[in-house]
Amino acid sequence: MSDERIKQIRERLEAATPGPWTVLYDDGSLHGTPEEWFVNFDAHHDTTNIDREPDAAFIANAPADIAYLLERVKTLESSARLTVTELERYYRDGSHPDISPVLRAAKKAVES
């Protein structure tokens, strides 16, 4: 997992127009599937003078960015669970300092 990738995702998020964002329907309905939807910035009706390129980049990268972030969350959660298990095993015999507050905090983080 790349810190550079996280940096790029963060930059796209920060460059995008602040939300909340909404979906607008021309005739009250949305046609097709999510894979067929597209974003249309109508320059003739847009009087905001906002650069829409960062929004387009954010939207276009969203599926891959979300998939990457979900995989990263899965990896970090797995690592945290393993760490808690190993800490419990290591300190179970009682010959080590009491780290029960640390274990409780780690378990809480993993379970939430």
Foldseek 3Di string as FASTA:
>chain_A
DDPVLVVVLVVLVVLADDDDDDDDDPVPDDDDDPVPDDDDDDPVPDPPPRDCVSVRVNVVCVVVSVVVVVVVVVVVLVVLVVVLVVVCVVCVVPPDDDPVVVSVVSVVVSVD
